[in-house]
């Protein structure tokens, strides 16, 4: 797949833009002061990024604009599905963890999938920012970017929202659960 050009067909782009516009208009609290026409123009000029957004959508992430970076002139999209994206669950943390499992290997890893999709996994600060827009992961959890010193020791971190609080926990990098996926971000 890497050698293939990652672009959507015109009808796929049109359908994705329709979905993103509806979500944008329905959730204005996530992007106050931003205008859809400017977001759409930026998307149409970045077809590779549209491929990544379509992958986010296809795997259940429900991507939406959560900000605009004035310095880089980029719109910031996060996965905004209420629970961790269904098409990314039951995965371990990274490719090294996947490779090290001797049996009962999951189908993929959070870092591996994110790389294939052309997106970044949310870090703890981004996860906390996401929670300002609603209650996410009240029944599921999401792997988040793990600091190198923790990963070096064989650990990875994940987060969820329970009891009115954001919890950040740890697990071994090889672990995987049916209710844990990852949330991604994309800059366009």
Protein backbone atom coordinates (compact mmCIF):
# COMPACT_ATOMS: atom_id res chain seq x y z
CA UNK A 1 0.00 0.00 0.00
CA UNK A 2 2.88 2.37 0.72
CA UNK A 3 3.88 2.45 -2.93
CA UNK A 4 0.35 3.35 -3.97
CA UNK A 5 -0.66 6.98 -4.00
CA UNK A 6 -2.94 7.65 -1.06
CA UNK A 7 -5.69 9.67 -2.67
CA UNK A 8 -9.45 9.41 -2.63
CA UNK A 9 -11.60 9.27 -5.72
CA UNK A 10 -13.59 12.48 -6.39
CA UNK A 11 -16.85 10.93 -5.13
CA UNK A 12 -15.10 9.74 -1.96
CA UNK A 13 -13.72 13.25 -1.33
CA UNK A 14 -17.17 14.73 -1.85
CA UNK A 15 -18.76 12.27 0.59
CA UNK A 16 -16.05 12.87 3.21
CA UNK A 17 -16.41 16.66 2.91
CA UNK A 18 -20.17 16.31 3.39
CA UNK A 19 -19.67 14.25 6.57
CA UNK A 20 -17.02 16.60 7.95
CA UNK A 21 -19.11 19.69 7.21
CA UNK A 22 -22.16 18.24 8.98
CA UNK A 23 -20.04 17.34 12.02
CA UNK A 24 -18.37 20.77 11.98
CA UNK A 25 -21.75 22.55 11.94
CA UNK A 26 -23.21 20.27 14.62
CA UNK A 27 -20.32 20.75 17.09
CA UNK A 28 -19.46 24.46 16.95
CA UNK A 29 -18.21 24.39 20.57
CA UNK A 30 -15.11 22.53 19.33
CA UNK A 31 -14.01 25.28 16.94
CA UNK A 32 -15.52 28.64 17.85
CA UNK A 33 -14.60 31.41 15.44
CA UNK A 34 -13.53 29.07 12.64
CA UNK A 35 -15.30 28.97 9.27
CA UNK A 36 -16.07 25.79 7.34
CA UNK A 37 -15.34 27.34 3.91
CA UNK A 38 -11.72 28.01 4.94
CA UNK A 39 -11.36 24.50 6.38
CA UNK A 40 -12.76 22.99 3.19
CA UNK A 41 -10.43 25.03 0.97
CA UNK A 42 -7.45 23.80 3.01
CA UNK A 43 -8.67 20.20 2.76
CA UNK A 44 -9.19 20.40 -0.99
CA UNK A 45 -5.62 21.64 -1.38
CA UNK A 46 -4.27 18.67 0.64
CA UNK A 47 -5.58 15.47 -0.92
CA UNK A 48 -3.13 13.27 1.04
CA UNK A 49 -4.50 14.68 4.29
CA UNK A 50 -8.02 13.93 3.07
CA UNK A 51 -6.95 10.29 2.66
CA UNK A 52 -5.83 10.27 6.31
CA UNK A 53 -9.08 11.90 7.46
CA UNK A 54 -11.06 9.31 5.50
CA UNK A 55 -9.09 6.57 7.28
CA UNK A 56 -9.90 8.22 10.61
CA UNK A 57 -13.58 8.27 9.63
CA UNK A 58 -13.58 4.73 8.22
CA UNK A 59 -12.17 3.29 11.46
CA UNK A 60 -14.79 5.06 13.60
CA UNK A 61 -12.87 8.11 14.81
CA UNK A 62 -15.37 10.79 13.77
CA UNK A 63 -12.66 13.42 13.14
CA UNK A 64 -13.51 17.08 13.70
CA UNK A 65 -11.67 20.39 13.87
CA UNK A 66 -10.60 21.27 17.43
CA UNK A 67 -8.33 24.22 16.75
CA UNK A 68 -6.25 26.34 14.44
CA UNK A 69 -2.51 26.89 14.81
CA UNK A 70 -1.78 30.53 13.89
CA UNK A 71 1.98 29.85 13.65
CA UNK A 72 1.70 27.12 11.03
CA UNK A 73 -1.67 28.12 9.52
CA UNK A 74 -2.96 24.58 10.08
CA UNK A 75 -6.33 23.28 11.22
CA UNK A 76 -6.10 20.62 13.91
CA UNK A 77 -8.37 17.57 13.73
CA UNK A 78 -8.86 15.06 16.56
CA UNK A 79 -10.88 11.86 16.66
CA UNK A 80 -14.06 12.95 18.43
CA UNK A 81 -16.07 9.70 18.59
CA UNK A 82 -17.69 9.37 22.03
CA UNK A 83 -15.87 6.06 22.65
CA UNK A 84 -12.52 4.83 21.34
CA UNK A 85 -12.72 4.16 17.58
CA UNK A 86 -14.18 0.68 16.99
CA UNK A 87 -12.00 -0.03 13.97
CA UNK A 88 -8.83 0.40 16.04
CA UNK A 89 -9.55 -1.66 19.14
CA UNK A 90 -7.77 -4.75 20.47
CA UNK A 91 -4.30 -3.50 19.54
CA UNK A 92 -1.11 -3.29 21.57
CA UNK A 93 0.94 -0.10 21.89
CA UNK A 94 3.66 -0.20 19.21
CA UNK A 95 5.24 -2.41 16.50
CA UNK A 96 8.03 -3.57 18.81
CA UNK A 97 5.45 -4.82 21.33
CA UNK A 98 3.51 -6.54 18.55
CA UNK A 99 6.67 -8.25 17.30
CA UNK A 100 7.66 -9.40 20.79
CA UNK A 101 4.40 -11.24 21.46
CA UNK A 102 4.93 -14.96 20.99
CA UNK A 103 1.24 -15.95 20.86
CA UNK A 104 -2.21 -14.39 20.77
CA UNK A 105 -0.87 -11.46 18.79
CA UNK A 106 -3.29 -8.60 18.13
CA UNK A 107 -3.82 -7.54 14.52
CA UNK A 108 -1.82 -4.33 14.83
CA UNK A 109 -0.48 -1.68 17.20
CA UNK A 110 -1.59 1.88 17.98
CA UNK A 111 1.65 3.48 16.78
CA UNK A 112 1.78 1.21 13.73
CA UNK A 113 -1.80 2.00 12.69
CA UNK A 114 -1.33 5.73 13.26
CA UNK A 115 1.76 5.70 11.06
CA UNK A 116 -0.07 3.78 8.31
CA UNK A 117 -2.94 6.29 8.52
CA UNK A 118 -0.62 9.31 8.37
CA UNK A 119 -1.77 10.64 11.74
CA UNK A 120 -0.28 11.14 15.21
CA UNK A 121 -1.53 9.45 18.36
CA UNK A 122 -2.81 11.96 20.96
CA UNK A 123 -0.48 12.81 23.81
CA UNK A 124 -1.70 13.42 27.36
CA UNK A 125 -2.13 17.20 26.91
CA UNK A 126 -4.10 16.69 23.70
CA UNK A 127 -6.26 14.06 25.39
CA UNK A 128 -7.04 16.49 28.21
CA UNK A 129 -7.87 19.18 25.62
CA UNK A 130 -10.27 16.78 23.89
CA UNK A 131 -12.10 16.21 27.17
CA UNK A 132 -12.92 19.93 27.32
CA UNK A 133 -15.29 19.39 24.37
CA UNK A 134 -17.37 16.64 25.98
CA UNK A 135 -17.13 13.33 27.80
CA UNK A 136 -15.04 10.87 25.80
CA UNK A 137 -14.08 7.28 26.66
CA UNK A 138 -16.62 6.82 29.45
CA UNK A 139 -16.82 3.07 28.64
CA UNK A 140 -13.58 2.57 26.69
CA UNK A 141 -9.98 3.75 26.91
CA UNK A 142 -7.38 5.11 24.49
CA UNK A 143 -3.65 4.53 24.24
CA UNK A 144 -1.83 7.89 24.38
CA UNK A 145 1.70 8.84 23.37
CA UNK A 146 4.04 7.38 25.95
CA UNK A 147 7.18 9.20 27.14
CA UNK A 148 10.37 7.45 25.96
CA UNK A 149 11.60 6.70 29.50
CA UNK A 150 8.39 4.79 30.32
CA UNK A 151 8.41 2.96 26.99
CA UNK A 152 12.07 1.99 27.45
CA UNK A 153 11.05 0.16 30.63
CA UNK A 154 8.31 -1.77 28.78
CA UNK A 155 5.35 0.38 29.75
CA UNK A 156 2.78 2.43 27.87
CA UNK A 157 0.08 4.79 29.04
CA UNK A 158 -3.60 5.08 28.25
CA UNK A 159 -6.42 7.31 29.43
CA UNK A 160 -10.16 7.36 29.95
CA UNK A 161 -12.88 9.41 31.62
CA UNK A 162 -14.59 7.99 34.71
CA UNK A 163 -16.28 9.48 37.78
CA UNK A 164 -16.05 12.98 36.31
CA UNK A 165 -12.26 12.68 36.07
CA UNK A 166 -9.62 12.00 33.41
CA UNK A 167 -7.53 9.04 34.47
CA UNK A 168 -4.12 8.23 33.01
CA UNK A 169 -2.90 4.70 33.68
CA UNK A 170 -0.12 2.35 32.64
CA UNK A 171 0.05 -1.12 31.10
CA UNK A 172 2.69 -3.28 29.53
CA UNK A 173 3.20 -2.35 25.87
CA UNK A 174 2.20 -5.85 24.75
CA UNK A 175 -1.23 -5.75 26.38
CA UNK A 176 -4.41 -5.21 24.42
CA UNK A 177 -8.09 -5.06 25.27
CA UNK A 178 -11.37 -5.13 23.36
CA UNK A 179 -12.32 -1.70 24.70
CA UNK A 180 -9.00 0.06 24.07
CA UNK A 181 -7.98 1.79 20.85
CA UNK A 182 -6.24 5.10 20.20
CA UNK A 183 -7.28 8.58 19.18
CA UNK A 184 -5.40 10.45 16.52
CA UNK A 185 -4.69 14.00 15.46
CA UNK A 186 -4.00 15.45 12.06
CA UNK A 187 -2.84 18.91 11.02
CA UNK A 188 -4.05 20.26 7.68
